[in-house]
Structure formats: structure tokens, C-alpha cells
């Protein structure tokens, strides 16, 4: 059953929004994308995953100019929707995995972002699909992605709401709000 209203029911909410934020959360169920679930995964609520994937599809098909910001799980969902793939458990093969967990801080650098971020994840995009990588951590973990063909669609793996750096913290939200107001995002 689709999450969004069907014809004849209440009206679609998307035309009334200025932007969409996909927030952080637990781990996606990767079986939908042809990958078995890692034994250490703590799965996001199935209804939330279905809703967010349908939302991303609706945004792509009918609302390509509506600004979208994905944070942590939100970025992962954007990547999966774009045909990407997850590294489901960084500690399995990344010696620096602890630098990405439990509120650790580390640098990110790329075309769009440079600064220090507050990190809390054990999964990360391994392949961004149709999205472009615009920032990475020093150990190569993908930290930010962007859909260049859209006016504003950015995903960040870190938590800007907990990040003190002005560029990678409040700057992420300022850029999103500028896009929502119809201005040019920074």
C-alpha cells in the first residue's frame, strides 16, 4: 500500500513544503537492494524505510526543485535510492572505524565541505550510485554526496546538529534554508 495519498484522498503535502530533511536513525534493511543484512545491524522501522524511499521517488519524479537534505541515515537512504551500496559495518575492515562512532570528531574535505564533524555511524556509503561524492574523511569514508542535476540535494554522513564547526555544522543548515527560501545555496 503506498504511503502517499491516492487520488480522491487528502492532497499531496509536497507542493506545500519548502524543503525536506531526512534525519538520522538506525540501519537500512539492505535486502531490498539485493544485499544480505549484516548481523550487527540495528534495523530502522520498516514503515520509515518504505516511507523515505517512496518520498525520495516522489521527489525525483514530481518535485525535482524541492531542496532535500539527508543526515546520516538520510544520506544512506539517498544513496541506496540512487543505486548505491552500503558498507554495512565499517569495523569489519576499516582500522579507523572508531573515528566515526560515539560522537567522535574528525575532519572532512572535498568540493563542498571542509571542516571538523561530529560523527556517529558504523555504516557508510561504499558506492554513491548516481550521486556525486563531495566530501570524504581522511580514511576515505564517503562523508557527503550531492545530486548535481537537482537545485539542492545534499547528504551528509555526520550530524551537523551536533557539529561545532561553523561550515560543517550550522553552515549545512544555512545552505539548506537558503535553498528553501529560493536563494542560491552556499
N, C-alpha and C. Protein backbone atom coordinates (compact mmCIF):
# COMPACT_ATOMS: atom_id res chain seq x y z
N UNK A 1 0.84 -1.17 0.00
CA UNK A 1 0.00 0.00 0.00
C UNK A 1 0.89 1.25 0.00
N UNK A 2 0.67 2.19 -0.92
CA UNK A 2 1.51 3.37 -0.96
C UNK A 2 1.32 4.24 0.28
N UNK A 3 2.40 4.87 0.69
CA UNK A 3 2.36 5.76 1.85
C UNK A 3 1.68 7.07 1.49
N UNK A 4 1.93 7.57 0.28
CA UNK A 4 1.37 8.85 -0.12
C UNK A 4 -0.10 8.71 -0.47
N UNK A 5 -0.86 9.78 -0.32
CA UNK A 5 -2.29 9.73 -0.60
C UNK A 5 -2.57 9.33 -2.04
N UNK A 6 -3.61 8.54 -2.23
CA UNK A 6 -4.06 8.13 -3.55
C UNK A 6 -5.05 9.16 -4.07
N UNK A 7 -5.28 9.20 -5.39
CA UNK A 7 -6.28 10.13 -5.92
C UNK A 7 -7.61 9.96 -5.19
N UNK A 8 -8.24 11.08 -4.88
CA UNK A 8 -9.51 11.04 -4.18
C UNK A 8 -9.36 11.15 -2.67
N UNK A 9 -8.14 11.02 -2.15
CA UNK A 9 -7.93 11.17 -0.71
C UNK A 9 -7.35 12.56 -0.45
N UNK A 10 -6.79 12.77 0.74
CA UNK A 10 -6.24 14.09 1.06
C UNK A 10 -5.14 14.47 0.07
N UNK A 11 -4.91 15.77 -0.08
CA UNK A 11 -3.96 16.25 -1.09
C UNK A 11 -2.51 15.93 -0.71
N UNK A 12 -1.67 15.87 -1.72
CA UNK A 12 -0.25 15.62 -1.56
C UNK A 12 0.37 16.80 -0.81
N UNK A 13 1.18 16.53 0.19
CA UNK A 13 1.77 17.57 1.02
C UNK A 13 2.99 18.21 0.37
N UNK A 14 3.69 17.53 -0.52
CA UNK A 14 4.95 18.03 -1.06
C UNK A 14 4.84 19.41 -1.71
N UNK A 15 3.80 19.73 -2.48
CA UNK A 15 3.75 21.07 -3.07
C UNK A 15 3.66 22.19 -2.03
N UNK A 16 3.35 21.85 -0.80
CA UNK A 16 3.19 22.85 0.25
C UNK A 16 4.45 23.00 1.11
N UNK A 17 5.49 22.25 0.80
CA UNK A 17 6.73 22.30 1.58
C UNK A 17 7.77 23.17 0.90
N UNK A 18 8.66 23.73 1.70
CA UNK A 18 9.79 24.49 1.18
C UNK A 18 11.04 23.64 1.06
N UNK A 19 11.06 22.48 1.73
CA UNK A 19 12.20 21.58 1.69
C UNK A 19 11.93 20.35 2.53
N UNK A 20 12.80 19.35 2.41
CA UNK A 20 12.65 18.09 3.13
C UNK A 20 13.99 17.72 3.75
N UNK A 21 13.97 17.36 5.04
CA UNK A 21 15.14 16.81 5.72
C UNK A 21 14.87 15.36 6.05
N UNK A 22 15.79 14.50 5.63
CA UNK A 22 15.76 13.09 6.01
C UNK A 22 16.76 12.94 7.14
N UNK A 23 16.28 12.63 8.33
CA UNK A 23 17.13 12.64 9.52
C UNK A 23 17.88 11.33 9.72
N UNK A 24 18.71 11.32 10.75
CA UNK A 24 19.46 10.13 11.12
C UNK A 24 18.57 9.08 11.75
N UNK A 25 19.12 7.91 11.97
CA UNK A 25 18.37 6.82 12.58
C UNK A 25 19.16 5.53 12.50
N UNK A 26 18.46 4.43 12.66
CA UNK A 26 19.08 3.11 12.65
C UNK A 26 19.46 2.70 11.23
N UNK A 27 19.81 1.45 11.05
CA UNK A 27 20.37 0.94 9.81
C UNK A 27 19.30 0.49 8.81
N UNK A 28 19.52 0.77 7.50
CA UNK A 28 18.56 0.33 6.50
C UNK A 28 18.55 -1.19 6.34
N UNK A 29 17.41 -1.72 5.96
CA UNK A 29 17.29 -3.12 5.58
C UNK A 29 17.79 -3.22 4.14
N UNK A 30 18.93 -3.84 3.95
CA UNK A 30 19.56 -3.89 2.63
C UNK A 30 19.05 -5.01 1.74
N UNK A 31 18.19 -5.89 2.26
CA UNK A 31 17.69 -6.98 1.41
C UNK A 31 16.91 -6.43 0.22
N UNK A 32 16.25 -5.29 0.41
CA UNK A 32 15.51 -4.65 -0.68
C UNK A 32 16.43 -4.27 -1.83
N UNK A 33 17.73 -4.16 -1.56
CA UNK A 33 18.72 -3.75 -2.56
C UNK A 33 19.64 -4.90 -2.95
N UNK A 34 19.22 -6.13 -2.64
CA UNK A 34 19.95 -7.31 -3.06
C UNK A 34 21.16 -7.66 -2.21
N UNK A 35 21.25 -7.09 -1.01
CA UNK A 35 22.38 -7.37 -0.11
C UNK A 35 21.84 -7.97 1.18
N UNK A 36 22.47 -9.02 1.70
CA UNK A 36 22.04 -9.55 2.99
C UNK A 36 22.31 -8.52 4.10
N UNK A 37 21.54 -8.61 5.16
CA UNK A 37 21.70 -7.71 6.30
C UNK A 37 22.87 -8.17 7.16
N UNK A 38 23.75 -7.24 7.51
CA UNK A 38 24.88 -7.56 8.37
C UNK A 38 24.34 -7.98 9.74
N UNK A 39 24.92 -9.00 10.39
CA UNK A 39 24.44 -9.47 11.70
C UNK A 39 24.45 -8.39 12.79
N UNK A 40 25.30 -7.38 12.68
CA UNK A 40 25.36 -6.34 13.70
C UNK A 40 24.37 -5.20 13.45
N UNK A 41 23.62 -5.27 12.36
CA UNK A 41 22.70 -4.18 12.01
C UNK A 41 21.58 -4.06 13.04
N UNK A 42 21.22 -2.82 13.32
CA UNK A 42 20.06 -2.48 14.15
C UNK A 42 19.09 -1.77 13.21
N UNK A 43 18.11 -2.50 12.71
CA UNK A 43 17.30 -2.01 11.59
C UNK A 43 16.34 -0.89 11.96
N UNK A 44 16.25 0.06 11.04
CA UNK A 44 15.28 1.14 11.13
C UNK A 44 13.88 0.53 11.01
N UNK A 45 12.88 1.21 11.54
CA UNK A 45 11.50 0.72 11.43
C UNK A 45 11.14 0.53 9.96
N UNK A 46 10.59 -0.62 9.60
CA UNK A 46 10.28 -0.90 8.19
C UNK A 46 9.38 0.16 7.55
N UNK A 47 8.39 0.65 8.28
CA UNK A 47 7.50 1.68 7.72
C UNK A 47 8.25 2.95 7.38
N UNK A 48 9.22 3.30 8.22
CA UNK A 48 10.01 4.50 7.94
C UNK A 48 10.82 4.31 6.67
N UNK A 49 11.45 3.15 6.52
CA UNK A 49 12.25 2.92 5.31
C UNK A 49 11.38 2.98 4.07
N UNK A 50 10.24 2.34 4.09
CA UNK A 50 9.33 2.37 2.94
C UNK A 50 8.91 3.81 2.65
N UNK A 51 8.54 4.55 3.68
CA UNK A 51 8.11 5.93 3.51
C UNK A 51 9.21 6.78 2.88
N UNK A 52 10.43 6.67 3.42
CA UNK A 52 11.50 7.53 2.93
C UNK A 52 11.89 7.19 1.50
N UNK A 53 11.88 5.91 1.14
CA UNK A 53 12.19 5.54 -0.24
C UNK A 53 11.10 6.01 -1.19
N UNK A 54 9.84 5.90 -0.78
CA UNK A 54 8.75 6.42 -1.61
C UNK A 54 8.82 7.93 -1.71
N UNK A 55 9.19 8.60 -0.62
CA UNK A 55 9.35 10.04 -0.62
C UNK A 55 10.44 10.45 -1.61
N UNK A 56 11.59 9.78 -1.56
CA UNK A 56 12.67 10.08 -2.49
C UNK A 56 12.25 9.87 -3.93
N UNK A 57 11.48 8.82 -4.18
CA UNK A 57 10.99 8.56 -5.54
C UNK A 57 10.05 9.67 -5.99
N UNK A 58 9.14 10.06 -5.12
CA UNK A 58 8.19 11.14 -5.44
C UNK A 58 8.93 12.45 -5.68
N UNK A 59 9.92 12.74 -4.85
CA UNK A 59 10.72 13.96 -5.03
C UNK A 59 11.42 13.94 -6.38
N UNK A 60 11.99 12.82 -6.74
CA UNK A 60 12.70 12.70 -8.02
C UNK A 60 11.76 12.86 -9.20
N UNK A 61 10.61 12.22 -9.13
CA UNK A 61 9.69 12.22 -10.26
C UNK A 61 8.87 13.50 -10.41
N UNK A 62 8.39 14.05 -9.30
CA UNK A 62 7.42 15.14 -9.40
C UNK A 62 7.87 16.47 -8.79
N UNK A 63 8.95 16.46 -8.00
CA UNK A 63 9.36 17.68 -7.30
C UNK A 63 10.88 17.84 -7.33
N UNK A 64 11.48 17.87 -8.52
CA UNK A 64 12.94 17.90 -8.60
C UNK A 64 13.58 19.19 -8.07
N UNK A 65 12.81 20.25 -7.92
CA UNK A 65 13.37 21.50 -7.42
C UNK A 65 13.22 21.69 -5.92
N UNK A 66 12.53 20.78 -5.24
CA UNK A 66 12.35 20.90 -3.80
C UNK A 66 13.67 20.52 -3.12
N UNK A 67 14.24 21.42 -2.30
CA UNK A 67 15.50 21.12 -1.63
C UNK A 67 15.38 19.92 -0.68
N UNK A 68 16.43 19.09 -0.66
CA UNK A 68 16.48 17.90 0.18
C UNK A 68 17.84 17.86 0.88
N UNK A 69 17.79 17.63 2.20
CA UNK A 69 19.00 17.44 3.00
C UNK A 69 18.88 16.10 3.70
N UNK A 70 19.85 15.22 3.49
CA UNK A 70 19.90 13.94 4.17
C UNK A 70 21.01 13.94 5.21
N UNK A 71 20.68 13.53 6.43
CA UNK A 71 21.64 13.49 7.52
C UNK A 71 21.82 12.05 7.96
N UNK A 72 23.06 11.55 7.94
CA UNK A 72 23.43 10.22 8.40
C UNK A 72 22.58 9.15 7.69
N UNK A 73 21.62 8.54 8.36
CA UNK A 73 20.74 7.57 7.70
C UNK A 73 20.08 8.20 6.47
N UNK A 74 19.70 9.47 6.57
CA UNK A 74 19.09 10.16 5.43
C UNK A 74 19.98 10.14 4.20
N UNK A 75 21.27 10.37 4.41
CA UNK A 75 22.22 10.30 3.29
C UNK A 75 22.32 8.86 2.76
N UNK A 76 22.34 7.89 3.67
CA UNK A 76 22.42 6.50 3.24
C UNK A 76 21.19 6.12 2.41
N UNK A 77 20.01 6.58 2.83
CA UNK A 77 18.80 6.28 2.06
C UNK A 77 18.85 6.96 0.69
N UNK A 78 19.37 8.19 0.64
CA UNK A 78 19.54 8.87 -0.65
C UNK A 78 20.44 8.04 -1.56
N UNK A 79 21.56 7.55 -1.02
CA UNK A 79 22.49 6.76 -1.82
C UNK A 79 21.90 5.45 -2.29
N UNK A 80 21.20 4.76 -1.40
CA UNK A 80 20.56 3.50 -1.80
C UNK A 80 19.52 3.75 -2.88
N UNK A 81 18.71 4.79 -2.71
CA UNK A 81 17.70 5.13 -3.71
C UNK A 81 18.35 5.46 -5.06
N UNK A 82 19.56 6.03 -5.03
CA UNK A 82 20.27 6.41 -6.25
C UNK A 82 21.06 5.25 -6.85
N UNK A 83 20.84 4.03 -6.34
CA UNK A 83 21.53 2.86 -6.90
C UNK A 83 22.87 2.56 -6.25
N UNK A 84 23.15 3.21 -5.12
CA UNK A 84 24.41 3.00 -4.42
C UNK A 84 24.39 1.76 -3.54
N UNK A 85 25.48 1.60 -2.81
CA UNK A 85 25.65 0.42 -1.94
C UNK A 85 26.26 0.87 -0.62
N UNK A 86 25.90 0.18 0.44
CA UNK A 86 26.42 0.48 1.78
C UNK A 86 27.55 -0.44 2.18
N UNK A 87 28.52 0.12 2.88
CA UNK A 87 29.43 -0.68 3.69
C UNK A 87 28.68 -0.81 5.00
N UNK A 88 28.16 -1.98 5.30
CA UNK A 88 27.24 -2.15 6.42
C UNK A 88 27.90 -2.21 7.79
N UNK A 89 29.20 -2.39 7.83
CA UNK A 89 29.84 -2.45 9.15
C UNK A 89 31.31 -2.08 9.01
N UNK A 90 31.60 -0.79 9.12
CA UNK A 90 32.95 -0.29 8.94
C UNK A 90 33.99 -1.03 9.80
N UNK A 91 33.66 -1.39 11.07
CA UNK A 91 34.67 -2.07 11.89
C UNK A 91 35.17 -3.40 11.31
N UNK A 92 34.45 -3.99 10.38
CA UNK A 92 34.89 -5.26 9.80
C UNK A 92 36.19 -5.13 9.01
N UNK A 93 36.47 -3.96 8.46
CA UNK A 93 37.66 -3.85 7.61
C UNK A 93 38.35 -2.50 7.65
N UNK A 94 37.84 -1.57 8.44
CA UNK A 94 38.43 -0.23 8.49
C UNK A 94 39.05 0.00 9.87
N UNK A 95 40.37 0.09 9.92
CA UNK A 95 41.05 0.24 11.20
C UNK A 95 40.70 1.53 11.92
N UNK A 96 40.21 2.51 11.18
CA UNK A 96 39.85 3.81 11.77
C UNK A 96 38.35 3.93 12.04
N UNK A 97 37.63 2.83 12.04
CA UNK A 97 36.17 2.87 12.22
C UNK A 97 35.75 3.59 13.50
N UNK A 98 36.55 3.49 14.56
CA UNK A 98 36.19 4.16 15.82
C UNK A 98 36.17 5.68 15.69
N UNK A 99 36.81 6.22 14.69
CA UNK A 99 36.79 7.66 14.46
C UNK A 99 35.44 8.14 13.93
N UNK A 100 34.55 7.21 13.62
CA UNK A 100 33.23 7.54 13.06
C UNK A 100 32.09 7.23 14.02
N UNK A 101 32.41 6.80 15.26
CA UNK A 101 31.36 6.34 16.17
C UNK A 101 31.33 7.15 17.45
N UNK A 102 30.22 7.02 18.13
CA UNK A 102 30.07 7.51 19.51
C UNK A 102 30.43 8.98 19.69
N UNK A 103 30.08 9.80 18.70
CA UNK A 103 30.31 11.22 18.83
C UNK A 103 31.74 11.66 18.58
N UNK A 104 32.55 10.81 17.99
CA UNK A 104 33.92 11.18 17.67
C UNK A 104 33.92 12.35 16.68
N UNK A 105 34.97 13.12 16.70
CA UNK A 105 35.11 14.19 15.71
C UNK A 105 36.29 13.86 14.80
N UNK A 106 36.15 14.25 13.54
CA UNK A 106 37.20 14.06 12.56
C UNK A 106 37.01 15.05 11.43
N UNK A 107 38.03 15.20 10.62
CA UNK A 107 37.98 16.13 9.51
C UNK A 107 37.25 15.53 8.32
N UNK A 108 36.67 16.41 7.51
CA UNK A 108 36.16 16.05 6.19
C UNK A 108 36.69 17.09 5.22
N UNK A 109 36.83 16.65 3.98
CA UNK A 109 37.35 17.58 2.98
C UNK A 109 36.82 17.18 1.61
N UNK A 110 36.50 18.19 0.82
CA UNK A 110 36.02 17.92 -0.53
C UNK A 110 35.61 19.19 -1.23
N UNK A 111 34.94 19.03 -2.36
CA UNK A 111 34.50 20.16 -3.17
C UNK A 111 33.50 21.06 -2.44
N UNK A 112 32.69 20.47 -1.57
CA UNK A 112 31.61 21.23 -0.96
C UNK A 112 31.85 21.54 0.51
N UNK A 113 32.53 20.67 1.22
CA UNK A 113 32.72 20.83 2.67
C UNK A 113 34.16 20.63 3.06
N UNK A 114 34.58 21.41 4.04
CA UNK A 114 35.87 21.21 4.68
C UNK A 114 35.74 21.68 6.12
N UNK A 115 36.06 20.80 7.05
CA UNK A 115 35.97 21.15 8.46
C UNK A 115 35.99 19.91 9.32
N UNK A 116 35.62 20.10 10.57
CA UNK A 116 35.57 19.01 11.55
C UNK A 116 34.11 18.69 11.82
N UNK A 117 33.79 17.39 11.92
CA UNK A 117 32.40 16.96 12.08
C UNK A 117 32.21 16.06 13.29
N UNK A 118 30.99 16.00 13.78
CA UNK A 118 30.56 15.11 14.86
C UNK A 118 30.01 13.86 14.18
N UNK A 119 30.60 12.72 14.46
CA UNK A 119 30.28 11.50 13.73
C UNK A 119 29.69 10.44 14.66
N UNK A 120 28.69 9.71 14.16
CA UNK A 120 28.07 8.65 14.95
C UNK A 120 27.43 7.63 14.01
N UNK A 121 28.28 6.77 13.41
CA UNK A 121 27.76 5.75 12.49
C UNK A 121 28.74 4.60 12.37
N UNK A 122 28.22 3.43 12.08
CA UNK A 122 29.07 2.26 11.78
C UNK A 122 28.89 1.83 10.33
N UNK A 123 27.94 2.46 9.63
CA UNK A 123 27.73 2.19 8.21
C UNK A 123 28.03 3.46 7.43
N UNK A 124 28.32 3.30 6.15
CA UNK A 124 28.54 4.45 5.28
C UNK A 124 28.37 3.99 3.84
N UNK A 125 28.09 4.92 2.96
CA UNK A 125 28.01 4.57 1.55
C UNK A 125 29.37 4.10 1.06
N UNK A 126 29.36 2.97 0.39
CA UNK A 126 30.56 2.44 -0.25
C UNK A 126 30.57 2.86 -1.71
N UNK A 127 29.39 3.04 -2.26
CA UNK A 127 29.18 3.45 -3.64
C UNK A 127 28.00 4.42 -3.63
N UNK A 128 28.16 5.65 -4.12
CA UNK A 128 27.07 6.63 -4.05
C UNK A 128 26.03 6.50 -5.16
N UNK A 129 26.17 5.53 -6.04
CA UNK A 129 25.21 5.40 -7.13
C UNK A 129 25.29 6.62 -8.04
N UNK A 130 24.14 7.22 -8.36
CA UNK A 130 24.07 8.38 -9.26
C UNK A 130 24.49 9.68 -8.57
N UNK A 131 24.75 9.64 -7.27
CA UNK A 131 25.14 10.85 -6.54
C UNK A 131 26.65 11.08 -6.68
N UNK A 132 27.06 12.31 -6.54
CA UNK A 132 28.48 12.66 -6.61
C UNK A 132 29.04 12.83 -5.21
N UNK A 133 30.20 12.25 -4.95
CA UNK A 133 30.88 12.43 -3.66
C UNK A 133 31.45 13.83 -3.62
N UNK A 134 31.10 14.60 -2.57
CA UNK A 134 31.59 15.98 -2.44
C UNK A 134 32.40 16.20 -1.17
N UNK A 135 32.58 15.16 -0.35
CA UNK A 135 33.49 15.24 0.81
C UNK A 135 33.76 13.83 1.31
N UNK A 136 34.98 13.62 1.80
CA UNK A 136 35.38 12.35 2.39
C UNK A 136 36.15 12.62 3.68
N UNK A 137 36.25 11.60 4.50
CA UNK A 137 37.10 11.63 5.69
C UNK A 137 38.52 11.27 5.25
N UNK A 138 39.53 11.55 6.08
CA UNK A 138 40.91 11.20 5.71
C UNK A 138 41.10 9.71 5.41
N UNK A 139 40.28 8.85 6.00
CA UNK A 139 40.41 7.41 5.75
C UNK A 139 39.64 6.95 4.52
N UNK A 140 39.04 7.89 3.78
CA UNK A 140 38.34 7.57 2.54
C UNK A 140 36.85 7.34 2.68
N UNK A 141 36.30 7.33 3.90
CA UNK A 141 34.86 7.14 4.07
C UNK A 141 34.13 8.30 3.40
N UNK A 142 33.11 7.96 2.62
CA UNK A 142 32.29 8.98 1.96
C UNK A 142 31.50 9.73 3.03
N UNK A 143 31.69 11.04 3.09
CA UNK A 143 31.06 11.86 4.13
C UNK A 143 29.98 12.79 3.61
N UNK A 144 29.98 13.11 2.32
CA UNK A 144 28.92 13.97 1.76
C UNK A 144 28.74 13.65 0.29
N UNK A 145 27.47 13.70 -0.14
CA UNK A 145 27.10 13.45 -1.53
C UNK A 145 26.16 14.53 -2.00
N UNK A 146 26.06 14.66 -3.31
CA UNK A 146 25.17 15.67 -3.89
C UNK A 146 24.61 15.16 -5.21
N UNK A 147 23.36 15.49 -5.48
CA UNK A 147 22.76 15.23 -6.78
C UNK A 147 22.92 16.52 -7.58
N UNK A 148 23.92 16.58 -8.43
CA UNK A 148 24.27 17.82 -9.14
C UNK A 148 23.16 18.26 -10.11
N UNK A 149 22.34 17.32 -10.58
CA UNK A 149 21.30 17.68 -11.53
C UNK A 149 20.10 18.35 -10.87
N UNK A 150 20.05 18.31 -9.56
CA UNK A 150 18.96 18.96 -8.82
C UNK A 150 19.42 20.32 -8.31
N UNK A 151 18.46 21.18 -8.02
CA UNK A 151 18.80 22.50 -7.48
C UNK A 151 19.52 22.36 -6.16
N UNK A 152 19.04 21.48 -5.28
CA UNK A 152 19.68 21.27 -3.98
C UNK A 152 19.28 19.90 -3.45
N UNK A 153 20.21 18.98 -3.47
CA UNK A 153 20.02 17.68 -2.83
C UNK A 153 21.38 17.24 -2.31
N UNK A 154 21.56 17.37 -1.00
CA UNK A 154 22.84 17.10 -0.37
C UNK A 154 22.62 16.12 0.77
N UNK A 155 23.53 15.17 0.90
CA UNK A 155 23.53 14.26 2.03
C UNK A 155 24.85 14.36 2.77
N UNK A 156 24.78 14.40 4.10
CA UNK A 156 25.98 14.40 4.93
C UNK A 156 25.92 13.22 5.88
N UNK A 157 27.05 12.53 6.03
CA UNK A 157 27.08 11.35 6.89
C UNK A 157 27.18 11.74 8.37
N UNK A 158 27.67 12.92 8.64
CA UNK A 158 27.84 13.38 10.02
C UNK A 158 26.56 14.03 10.54
N UNK A 159 26.63 14.49 11.76
CA UNK A 159 25.48 15.15 12.40
C UNK A 159 25.75 16.64 12.54
N UNK A 160 25.28 17.46 11.59
CA UNK A 160 25.54 18.90 11.67
C UNK A 160 24.88 19.55 12.88
N UNK A 161 23.81 18.95 13.38
CA UNK A 161 23.12 19.50 14.56
C UNK A 161 23.95 19.35 15.82
N UNK A 162 25.00 18.53 15.76
CA UNK A 162 25.88 18.32 16.91
C UNK A 162 27.31 18.78 16.61
N UNK A 163 27.52 19.36 15.44
CA UNK A 163 28.85 19.77 15.00
C UNK A 163 29.08 21.24 15.31
N UNK A 164 30.21 21.53 15.95
CA UNK A 164 30.52 22.90 16.35
C UNK A 164 31.15 23.72 15.23
N UNK A 165 31.80 23.08 14.27
CA UNK A 165 32.44 23.80 13.17
C UNK A 165 31.37 24.59 12.41
N UNK A 166 31.59 25.89 12.18
CA UNK A 166 30.55 26.70 11.53
C UNK A 166 30.23 26.28 10.10
N UNK A 167 31.17 25.71 9.38
CA UNK A 167 30.92 25.30 8.00
C UNK A 167 30.17 23.98 7.94
N UNK A 168 30.61 23.01 8.73
CA UNK A 168 30.02 21.67 8.67
C UNK A 168 28.91 21.48 9.70
N UNK A 169 28.66 22.48 10.51
CA UNK A 169 27.57 22.44 11.48
C UNK A 169 26.44 23.33 11.00
N UNK A 170 26.36 24.53 11.57
CA UNK A 170 25.27 25.44 11.21
C UNK A 170 25.30 25.83 9.74
N UNK A 171 26.48 25.78 9.11
CA UNK A 171 26.57 26.10 7.69
C UNK A 171 25.78 25.16 6.80
N UNK A 172 25.69 23.90 7.20
CA UNK A 172 24.89 22.93 6.44
C UNK A 172 23.43 23.36 6.46
N UNK A 173 22.94 23.74 7.63
CA UNK A 173 21.54 24.17 7.73
C UNK A 173 21.31 25.51 7.06
N UNK A 174 22.26 26.42 7.15
CA UNK A 174 22.12 27.73 6.50
C UNK A 174 22.01 27.56 4.98
N UNK A 175 22.81 26.67 4.42
CA UNK A 175 22.75 26.39 2.99
C UNK A 175 21.40 25.80 2.60
N UNK A 176 20.92 24.86 3.40
CA UNK A 176 19.61 24.25 3.14
C UNK A 176 18.50 25.29 3.23
N UNK A 177 18.53 26.13 4.27
CA UNK A 177 17.50 27.16 4.43
C UNK A 177 17.53 28.17 3.29
N UNK A 178 18.71 28.53 2.82
CA UNK A 178 18.81 29.44 1.69
C UNK A 178 18.13 28.83 0.46
N UNK A 179 18.37 27.53 0.24
CA UNK A 179 17.74 26.85 -0.88
C UNK A 179 16.22 26.81 -0.71
N UNK A 180 15.77 26.60 0.52
CA UNK A 180 14.32 26.55 0.79
C UNK A 180 13.67 27.90 0.55
N UNK A 181 14.40 28.96 0.81
CA UNK A 181 13.88 30.31 0.60
C UNK A 181 13.96 30.74 -0.86
N UNK A 182 14.54 29.87 -1.67
CA UNK A 182 14.63 30.18 -3.10
C UNK A 182 15.90 30.89 -3.46
N UNK A 183 16.79 31.08 -2.50
CA UNK A 183 18.06 31.74 -2.78
C UNK A 183 19.07 30.77 -3.31
N UNK A 184 20.24 31.27 -3.52
CA UNK A 184 21.34 30.45 -4.00
C UNK A 184 22.01 29.81 -2.81
N UNK A 185 22.01 28.46 -2.73
CA UNK A 185 22.67 27.79 -1.61
C UNK A 185 24.18 28.02 -1.65
N UNK A 186 24.78 28.16 -0.50
CA UNK A 186 26.22 28.38 -0.43
C UNK A 186 26.99 27.11 -0.74
